[in-house]
């Protein structure tokens, strides 16, 4: 009987993949909430003037988890190459779509009479309406999110390996941060463009303004998370052992020529 858990490389992929998928799924579900970053941190609100709009950092709660996905994308890319990232990216997108389908079925069920008013003591007069409002994200938001996620992942892989081919094993932070900055530049604009310009009533100026503020946050996070990338590399190298870690990195690079 094949014991896949006895293979360090396979076991590591399962662990990283599980964390990757979980964070992406949870980020999609909690992303319906928009929070004020400065107020949450006890800071004065920013005043960023972009495309005629005066904006502060009002962000989707999903940004709390997407940085973990960014880091894991680069780590998986490093050790398993584009095929590893591609497998997890398409699997995650499929699971997100499946989850929203199941949520839609849940929303469509007829609630029990007693349940509708069961949270009135908490200020929720219609529990079913609250359930539908929180979980029932619009079709265009879901489409925009999935398209942006896949495009961003593909770009991340391509840029990562182009930088690695130019720099070799050195400068982990350049390829990790550089690929994230490029992929998230596209991701930030694609998701809001599809969700609120194509599928909503936002003007192009409003889309560009909000996207720019979101991207500023992602740039700051990508740079600040650089130590975490080195920490993960160190932990994984010790877990695998230097010979196996080096072999996996080299094979990942050799298999990652061409497009994804």
Protein backbone atom coordinates (compact mmCIF):
# COMPACT_ATOMS: atom_id res chain seq x y z
CA UNK A 1 0.00 0.00 0.00
CA UNK A 2 1.39 3.40 -1.02
CA UNK A 3 1.89 5.74 1.94
CA UNK A 4 2.01 9.22 0.43
CA UNK A 5 2.59 10.81 3.83
CA UNK A 6 6.00 9.14 4.11
CA UNK A 7 7.33 11.22 1.20
CA UNK A 8 8.50 14.60 2.49
CA UNK A 9 7.92 16.44 -0.80
CA UNK A 10 4.40 15.02 -1.19
CA UNK A 11 3.51 15.66 2.44
CA UNK A 12 4.74 19.25 2.17
CA UNK A 13 2.67 19.83 -0.97
CA UNK A 14 -0.46 18.56 0.78
CA UNK A 15 0.14 20.87 3.74
CA UNK A 16 0.90 23.94 1.62
CA UNK A 17 -2.00 23.16 -0.72
CA UNK A 18 -4.42 22.76 2.16
CA UNK A 19 -3.41 26.10 3.68
CA UNK A 20 -3.51 27.76 0.24
CA UNK A 21 -7.03 26.54 -0.60
CA UNK A 22 -8.41 27.24 2.88
CA UNK A 23 -7.16 30.84 2.90
CA UNK A 24 -8.47 31.51 -0.62
CA UNK A 25 -11.91 30.10 0.21
CA UNK A 26 -12.26 31.93 3.52
CA UNK A 27 -11.05 35.18 1.91
CA UNK A 28 -13.87 34.92 -0.63
CA UNK A 29 -16.51 34.41 2.04
CA UNK A 30 -15.40 37.14 4.47
CA UNK A 31 -14.68 39.54 1.61
CA UNK A 32 -18.28 40.79 1.59
CA UNK A 33 -17.40 43.01 4.57
CA UNK A 34 -15.73 46.37 3.91
CA UNK A 35 -13.72 47.68 6.84
CA UNK A 36 -11.88 50.92 7.61
CA UNK A 37 -8.20 50.04 7.96
CA UNK A 38 -7.10 53.20 9.77
CA UNK A 39 -9.91 53.03 12.35
CA UNK A 40 -9.14 49.35 12.97
CA UNK A 41 -5.50 50.24 13.70
CA UNK A 42 -6.34 53.37 15.68
CA UNK A 43 -4.75 55.67 13.08
CA UNK A 44 -5.88 58.88 11.45
CA UNK A 45 -7.70 58.26 8.19
CA UNK A 46 -5.67 58.76 5.04
CA UNK A 47 -6.76 61.23 2.39
CA UNK A 48 -5.64 59.97 -1.01
CA UNK A 49 -6.84 61.98 -4.00
CA UNK A 50 -7.10 59.72 -7.05
CA UNK A 51 -9.02 60.38 -10.28
CA UNK A 52 -11.12 63.06 -8.60
CA UNK A 53 -11.99 60.94 -5.55
CA UNK A 54 -10.77 61.58 -2.01
CA UNK A 55 -10.31 58.10 -0.56
CA UNK A 56 -9.04 56.39 2.56
CA UNK A 57 -8.26 52.71 3.07
CA UNK A 58 -11.68 51.05 2.98
CA UNK A 59 -10.83 47.47 2.17
CA UNK A 60 -12.55 44.12 1.78
CA UNK A 61 -11.99 41.83 4.76
CA UNK A 62 -10.53 39.34 2.30
CA UNK A 63 -7.25 41.30 2.31
CA UNK A 64 -6.59 39.86 5.77
CA UNK A 65 -5.98 36.45 4.17
CA UNK A 66 -4.84 37.13 0.60
CA UNK A 67 -1.27 37.98 1.71
CA UNK A 68 -0.98 34.37 2.93
CA UNK A 69 -2.05 33.20 -0.54
CA UNK A 70 0.58 35.50 -2.11
CA UNK A 71 3.34 34.01 0.03
CA UNK A 72 2.24 30.43 -0.56
CA UNK A 73 2.03 31.00 -4.31
CA UNK A 74 5.69 32.00 -4.39
CA UNK A 75 6.79 29.22 -2.05
CA UNK A 76 4.95 26.55 -4.05
CA UNK A 77 6.34 28.09 -7.22
CA UNK A 78 9.86 27.81 -5.80
CA UNK A 79 9.69 24.13 -4.88
CA UNK A 80 7.06 22.68 -7.25
CA UNK A 81 7.16 24.98 -10.27
CA UNK A 82 4.37 26.23 -12.48
CA UNK A 83 2.60 22.85 -12.58
CA UNK A 84 2.19 22.86 -8.81
CA UNK A 85 0.78 26.39 -8.78
CA UNK A 86 -1.43 25.69 -11.79
CA UNK A 87 -2.92 22.57 -10.15
CA UNK A 88 -3.75 24.41 -6.94
CA UNK A 89 -4.98 27.55 -8.72
CA UNK A 90 -7.49 25.73 -10.93
CA UNK A 91 -8.50 23.42 -8.09
CA UNK A 92 -9.09 26.43 -5.83
CA UNK A 93 -11.08 28.29 -8.49
CA UNK A 94 -13.23 25.21 -9.01
CA UNK A 95 -13.82 24.82 -5.28
CA UNK A 96 -14.72 28.50 -4.93
CA UNK A 97 -17.26 28.17 -7.75
CA UNK A 98 -18.63 24.99 -6.17
CA UNK A 99 -18.90 26.70 -2.78
CA UNK A 100 -20.87 29.62 -4.20
CA UNK A 101 -23.17 27.16 -5.98
CA UNK A 102 -23.84 25.35 -2.69
CA UNK A 103 -24.41 28.67 -0.94
CA UNK A 104 -26.92 29.61 -3.64
CA UNK A 105 -28.76 26.35 -3.01
CA UNK A 106 -28.73 27.08 0.71
CA UNK A 107 -30.13 30.57 0.14
CA UNK A 108 -32.87 29.14 -2.07
CA UNK A 109 -34.20 26.79 0.60
CA UNK A 110 -37.38 27.78 2.49
CA UNK A 111 -36.53 28.81 6.07
CA UNK A 112 -38.32 27.39 9.10
CA UNK A 113 -40.85 29.87 10.47
CA UNK A 114 -39.29 30.01 13.94
CA UNK A 115 -35.75 30.48 12.58
CA UNK A 116 -36.53 33.73 10.71
CA UNK A 117 -37.10 35.60 13.97
CA UNK A 118 -34.72 33.61 16.16
CA UNK A 119 -32.07 36.37 16.32
CA UNK A 120 -34.37 39.30 17.13
CA UNK A 121 -32.81 39.58 20.58
CA UNK A 122 -29.54 40.34 18.76
CA UNK A 123 -31.10 43.06 16.61
CA UNK A 124 -31.69 40.89 13.54
CA UNK A 125 -35.37 41.01 12.67
CA UNK A 126 -35.17 38.72 9.64
CA UNK A 127 -32.45 36.06 10.00
CA UNK A 128 -33.14 34.69 6.51
CA UNK A 129 -32.68 38.10 4.91
CA UNK A 130 -29.45 38.63 6.82
CA UNK A 131 -28.22 35.19 5.71
CA UNK A 132 -29.05 35.97 2.09
CA UNK A 133 -27.49 39.44 2.26
CA UNK A 134 -24.19 38.27 3.74
CA UNK A 135 -23.67 35.10 1.71
CA UNK A 136 -25.45 36.09 -1.50
CA UNK A 137 -22.67 37.87 -3.35
CA UNK A 138 -23.59 39.10 -6.81
CA UNK A 139 -22.88 37.06 -9.92
CA UNK A 140 -20.51 39.66 -11.37
CA UNK A 141 -18.54 39.89 -8.12
CA UNK A 142 -18.03 36.14 -8.17
CA UNK A 143 -17.04 36.14 -11.85
CA UNK A 144 -14.68 39.07 -11.36
CA UNK A 145 -13.07 37.45 -8.36
CA UNK A 146 -12.49 34.13 -10.12
CA UNK A 147 -11.12 35.70 -13.31
CA UNK A 148 -8.83 38.03 -11.35
CA UNK A 149 -7.58 35.17 -9.18
CA UNK A 150 -6.66 32.95 -12.14
CA UNK A 151 -5.10 35.74 -14.20
CA UNK A 152 -3.14 36.92 -11.17
CA UNK A 153 -1.85 33.41 -10.43
CA UNK A 154 -0.75 32.83 -14.03
CA UNK A 155 1.08 36.16 -14.11
CA UNK A 156 2.71 35.49 -10.76
CA UNK A 157 4.17 32.21 -12.04
CA UNK A 158 5.47 33.70 -15.28
CA UNK A 159 7.08 36.76 -13.69
CA UNK A 160 8.52 34.71 -10.81
CA UNK A 161 10.41 32.35 -13.12
CA UNK A 162 11.54 35.10 -15.48
CA UNK A 163 13.14 36.88 -12.54
CA UNK A 164 14.61 33.64 -11.21
CA UNK A 165 16.16 32.83 -14.57
CA UNK A 166 17.86 36.22 -14.50
CA UNK A 167 19.01 36.12 -10.86
CA UNK A 168 19.47 32.41 -10.14
CA UNK A 169 19.03 31.16 -6.57
CA UNK A 170 19.92 34.56 -5.12
CA UNK A 171 17.56 37.40 -4.27
CA UNK A 172 14.51 35.43 -3.18
CA UNK A 173 12.84 38.69 -2.15
CA UNK A 174 13.14 40.16 -5.65
CA UNK A 175 11.34 37.33 -7.43
CA UNK A 176 8.78 36.82 -4.66
CA UNK A 177 7.93 40.49 -4.18
CA UNK A 178 8.33 41.40 -7.85
CA UNK A 179 5.99 38.67 -9.08
CA UNK A 180 3.41 39.60 -6.43
CA UNK A 181 3.50 43.29 -7.33
CA UNK A 182 2.91 42.54 -11.02
CA UNK A 183 0.21 39.92 -10.48
CA UNK A 184 -1.66 42.01 -7.91
CA UNK A 185 -1.53 45.08 -10.11
CA UNK A 186 -3.61 43.16 -12.65
CA UNK A 187 -5.71 41.35 -10.04
CA UNK A 188 -6.67 44.59 -8.25
CA UNK A 189 -8.00 46.21 -11.40
CA UNK A 190 -9.58 43.18 -13.07
CA UNK A 191 -11.80 42.17 -10.13
CA UNK A 192 -13.35 45.60 -9.60
CA UNK A 193 -13.61 46.34 -13.32
CA UNK A 194 -15.64 43.19 -13.93
CA UNK A 195 -17.64 43.33 -10.69
CA UNK A 196 -18.57 47.02 -10.60
CA UNK A 197 -18.01 48.46 -14.09
CA UNK A 198 -19.13 45.58 -16.32
CA UNK A 199 -21.66 44.21 -13.85
CA UNK A 200 -22.45 47.37 -11.88
CA UNK A 201 -22.90 51.10 -12.23
CA UNK A 202 -19.50 52.44 -11.19
CA UNK A 203 -17.79 54.92 -13.48
CA UNK A 204 -14.36 54.08 -14.86
CA UNK A 205 -12.85 56.86 -12.74
CA UNK A 206 -14.34 55.35 -9.58
CA UNK A 207 -13.07 51.88 -10.48
CA UNK A 208 -9.57 53.20 -11.13
CA UNK A 209 -9.55 55.23 -7.92
CA UNK A 210 -10.65 52.38 -5.65
CA UNK A 211 -8.32 49.92 -7.43
CA UNK A 212 -5.37 52.25 -6.93
CA UNK A 213 -5.97 52.53 -3.18
CA UNK A 214 -6.33 48.75 -2.90
CA UNK A 215 -3.10 48.27 -4.84
CA UNK A 216 -1.22 50.68 -2.58
CA UNK A 217 -2.22 48.50 0.37
CA UNK A 218 -1.10 45.33 -1.45
CA UNK A 219 2.28 46.88 -2.31
CA UNK A 220 2.83 47.75 1.35
CA UNK A 221 1.84 44.23 2.42
CA UNK A 222 4.05 42.54 -0.20
CA UNK A 223 7.09 44.49 0.98
CA UNK A 224 6.37 44.02 4.69
CA UNK A 225 5.93 40.25 4.26
CA UNK A 226 9.44 39.76 2.81
CA UNK A 227 10.83 38.41 6.14
CA UNK A 228 8.00 35.86 6.25
CA UNK A 229 9.06 34.51 2.85
CA UNK A 230 12.63 33.95 4.05
CA UNK A 231 11.32 32.36 7.25
CA UNK A 232 9.19 29.89 5.28
CA UNK A 233 12.09 29.04 2.99
CA UNK A 234 14.28 28.35 6.02
CA UNK A 235 11.66 26.12 7.66
CA UNK A 236 11.02 24.16 4.46
CA UNK A 237 14.71 23.72 3.66
CA UNK A 238 15.32 22.32 7.15
CA UNK A 239 12.30 20.04 6.85
CA UNK A 240 13.30 18.67 3.45
CA UNK A 241 17.03 18.69 3.99
CA UNK A 242 19.37 20.78 1.85
CA UNK A 243 19.99 18.14 -0.88
CA UNK A 244 16.27 17.46 -1.49
CA UNK A 245 15.35 21.16 -1.25
CA UNK A 246 18.00 22.10 -3.82
CA UNK A 247 16.92 19.27 -6.12
CA UNK A 248 13.26 20.31 -5.96
CA UNK A 249 14.08 23.95 -6.69
CA UNK A 250 16.21 22.99 -9.68
CA UNK A 251 13.57 20.62 -11.08
CA UNK A 252 10.86 23.25 -10.56
CA UNK A 253 12.93 25.69 -12.56
CA UNK A 254 13.70 23.18 -15.32
CA UNK A 255 10.01 22.30 -15.69
CA UNK A 256 8.85 25.91 -15.76
CA UNK A 257 10.02 27.01 -19.18
CA UNK A 258 7.49 28.50 -21.58
CA UNK A 259 3.97 29.59 -20.71
CA UNK A 260 1.87 28.15 -17.93
